[in-house]
N, C-alpha and C. Protein backbone atom coordinates (compact mmCIF):
# COMPACT_ATOMS: atom_id res chain seq x y z
N MET A 1 -2.28 163.60 106.89
CA MET A 1 -2.14 162.29 106.27
C MET A 1 -1.24 162.35 105.04
N SER A 2 -1.20 163.49 104.38
CA SER A 2 -0.38 163.61 103.17
C SER A 2 1.12 163.58 103.50
N ILE A 3 1.48 163.96 104.73
CA ILE A 3 2.90 163.93 105.11
C ILE A 3 3.42 162.50 105.15
N ILE A 4 2.56 161.53 105.48
CA ILE A 4 2.98 160.13 105.51
C ILE A 4 3.33 159.66 104.09
N TYR A 5 2.53 160.05 103.12
CA TYR A 5 2.82 159.68 101.74
C TYR A 5 4.13 160.32 101.26
N MET A 6 4.36 161.56 101.66
CA MET A 6 5.59 162.23 101.28
C MET A 6 6.80 161.57 101.93
N LEU A 7 6.71 161.24 103.21
CA LEU A 7 7.82 160.58 103.89
C LEU A 7 8.07 159.19 103.32
N LEU A 8 7.02 158.50 102.97
CA LEU A 8 7.17 157.18 102.36
C LEU A 8 7.88 157.28 101.01
N ALA A 9 7.51 158.25 100.21
CA ALA A 9 8.14 158.45 98.91
C ALA A 9 9.62 158.82 99.07
N ILE A 10 9.90 159.71 100.02
CA ILE A 10 11.29 160.11 100.26
C ILE A 10 12.12 158.92 100.73
N SER A 11 11.57 158.09 101.61
CA SER A 11 12.32 156.94 102.11
C SER A 11 12.58 155.92 101.01
N VAL A 12 11.64 155.75 100.10
CA VAL A 12 11.86 154.83 98.98
C VAL A 12 12.94 155.37 98.06
N VAL A 13 12.95 156.66 97.81
CA VAL A 13 13.98 157.27 96.97
C VAL A 13 15.36 157.13 97.61
N VAL A 14 15.45 157.38 98.90
CA VAL A 14 16.73 157.25 99.60
C VAL A 14 17.20 155.80 99.58
N ALA A 15 16.30 154.86 99.78
CA ALA A 15 16.66 153.44 99.74
C ALA A 15 17.16 153.05 98.35
N LEU A 16 16.52 153.55 97.31
CA LEU A 16 16.97 153.26 95.95
C LEU A 16 18.35 153.85 95.67
N ILE A 17 18.60 155.04 96.20
CA ILE A 17 19.93 155.66 96.02
C ILE A 17 21.01 154.81 96.69
N PHE A 18 20.76 154.34 97.91
CA PHE A 18 21.73 153.49 98.59
C PHE A 18 21.91 152.16 97.86
N PHE A 19 20.83 151.60 97.33
CA PHE A 19 20.92 150.34 96.60
C PHE A 19 21.75 150.50 95.33
N VAL A 20 21.52 151.58 94.60
CA VAL A 20 22.30 151.84 93.38
C VAL A 20 23.76 152.08 93.73
N ALA A 21 24.04 152.80 94.80
CA ALA A 21 25.42 153.02 95.22
C ALA A 21 26.10 151.70 95.58
N PHE A 22 25.38 150.80 96.23
CA PHE A 22 25.92 149.50 96.58
C PHE A 22 26.23 148.68 95.33
N ILE A 23 25.31 148.66 94.39
CA ILE A 23 25.51 147.89 93.15
C ILE A 23 26.71 148.44 92.37
N VAL A 24 26.84 149.75 92.29
CA VAL A 24 27.97 150.36 91.58
C VAL A 24 29.28 150.01 92.27
N SER A 25 29.31 150.07 93.59
CA SER A 25 30.56 149.77 94.30
C SER A 25 30.95 148.30 94.17
N VAL A 26 29.98 147.40 94.11
CA VAL A 26 30.29 145.99 93.90
C VAL A 26 30.85 145.76 92.50
N LYS A 27 30.26 146.41 91.51
CA LYS A 27 30.73 146.24 90.14
C LYS A 27 32.11 146.83 89.93
N GLU A 28 32.46 147.86 90.69
CA GLU A 28 33.79 148.47 90.56
C GLU A 28 34.85 147.72 91.36
N GLY A 29 34.46 146.70 92.12
CA GLY A 29 35.43 145.90 92.85
C GLY A 29 35.78 146.45 94.22
N GLN A 30 34.94 147.26 94.78
CA GLN A 30 35.21 147.86 96.08
C GLN A 30 35.34 146.81 97.18
N TYR A 31 34.61 145.71 97.06
CA TYR A 31 34.59 144.70 98.10
C TYR A 31 35.48 143.50 97.78
N ASP A 32 36.28 143.57 96.73
CA ASP A 32 37.20 142.48 96.40
C ASP A 32 38.35 142.48 97.39
N ASP A 33 38.66 141.32 97.89
CA ASP A 33 39.76 141.18 98.86
C ASP A 33 40.97 140.64 98.13
N VAL A 34 41.95 141.48 97.88
CA VAL A 34 43.14 141.05 97.18
C VAL A 34 44.30 140.81 98.13
N TYR A 35 44.16 141.17 99.40
CA TYR A 35 45.25 141.02 100.34
C TYR A 35 45.23 139.67 101.06
N THR A 36 44.08 139.23 101.52
CA THR A 36 43.99 138.03 102.35
C THR A 36 44.48 136.77 101.65
N PRO A 37 44.14 136.51 100.38
CA PRO A 37 44.65 135.28 99.77
C PRO A 37 46.17 135.19 99.72
N SER A 38 46.84 136.31 99.64
CA SER A 38 48.30 136.27 99.57
C SER A 38 48.94 135.95 100.92
N VAL A 39 48.28 136.24 102.02
CA VAL A 39 48.86 135.95 103.33
C VAL A 39 48.23 134.73 103.99
N ARG A 40 47.24 134.12 103.36
CA ARG A 40 46.58 132.96 103.95
C ARG A 40 47.53 131.79 104.09
N MET A 41 48.49 131.65 103.19
CA MET A 41 49.42 130.53 103.26
C MET A 41 50.39 130.66 104.43
N LEU A 42 50.50 131.83 105.03
CA LEU A 42 51.41 132.03 106.14
C LEU A 42 50.86 131.50 107.46
N PHE A 43 49.57 131.26 107.54
CA PHE A 43 48.95 130.81 108.77
C PHE A 43 48.67 129.31 108.68
N ASP A 44 49.04 128.59 109.74
CA ASP A 44 48.78 127.15 109.78
C ASP A 44 47.36 126.91 110.23
N ASP A 45 46.66 126.09 109.49
CA ASP A 45 45.30 125.69 109.87
C ASP A 45 45.37 124.31 110.49
N GLU A 46 44.67 124.13 111.61
CA GLU A 46 44.60 122.81 112.21
C GLU A 46 43.61 121.97 111.43
N LEU A 47 43.99 120.74 111.17
CA LEU A 47 43.08 119.83 110.50
C LEU A 47 42.28 119.09 111.56
N ILE A 48 41.00 119.31 111.59
CA ILE A 48 40.13 118.68 112.56
C ILE A 48 39.15 117.80 111.82
N LYS A 49 39.14 116.53 112.17
CA LYS A 49 38.21 115.59 111.56
C LYS A 49 37.40 114.93 112.66
N ASN A 50 36.21 114.51 112.33
CA ASN A 50 35.36 113.84 113.30
C ASN A 50 35.76 112.39 113.43
N ASP A 51 35.81 111.89 114.67
CA ASP A 51 36.06 110.49 114.93
C ASP A 51 34.73 109.75 114.79
N PRO A 52 34.59 108.84 113.82
CA PRO A 52 33.28 108.21 113.60
C PRO A 52 32.82 107.34 114.76
N GLU A 53 33.75 106.80 115.56
CA GLU A 53 33.36 105.94 116.67
C GLU A 53 32.81 106.75 117.85
N LYS A 54 33.46 107.85 118.15
CA LYS A 54 33.06 108.65 119.32
C LYS A 54 32.22 109.86 118.93
N ASN A 55 32.17 110.20 117.63
CA ASN A 55 31.44 111.35 117.13
C ASN A 55 31.91 112.64 117.79
N GLN A 56 33.23 112.69 117.99
CA GLN A 56 33.85 113.88 118.57
C GLN A 56 34.97 114.33 117.65
N PRO A 57 35.23 115.63 117.61
CA PRO A 57 36.34 116.10 116.78
C PRO A 57 37.67 115.61 117.33
N VAL A 58 38.55 115.20 116.42
CA VAL A 58 39.86 114.71 116.80
C VAL A 58 40.88 115.55 116.06
N ASN A 59 41.89 116.01 116.80
CA ASN A 59 42.97 116.75 116.18
C ASN A 59 43.92 115.75 115.53
N LYS A 60 44.09 115.81 114.23
CA LYS A 60 44.87 114.83 113.50
C LYS A 60 46.33 114.88 113.92
N GLU A 61 46.87 116.03 114.26
CA GLU A 61 48.27 116.16 114.62
C GLU A 61 48.56 115.51 115.98
N LYS A 62 47.59 115.48 116.89
CA LYS A 62 47.82 114.97 118.23
C LYS A 62 47.24 113.57 118.44
N SER A 63 46.78 112.90 117.41
CA SER A 63 46.12 111.62 117.58
C SER A 63 47.09 110.44 117.55
N ASN A 64 48.39 110.67 117.61
CA ASN A 64 49.38 109.58 117.59
C ASN A 64 49.42 108.81 118.87
């Protein structure tokens, strides 16, 4: 029965180590995306709005 307590303690310590590593990497900017905003303007996004009468999406560019 004592092995369960030891394994539980070890798993909590390992989980805390991973949590601290995650917090440190977020604070250092590891997950900041500096590339995507600069190329986002190169891609055309379709403007889709809902048609209130039919309650269906309508492509604004093709609704002429």
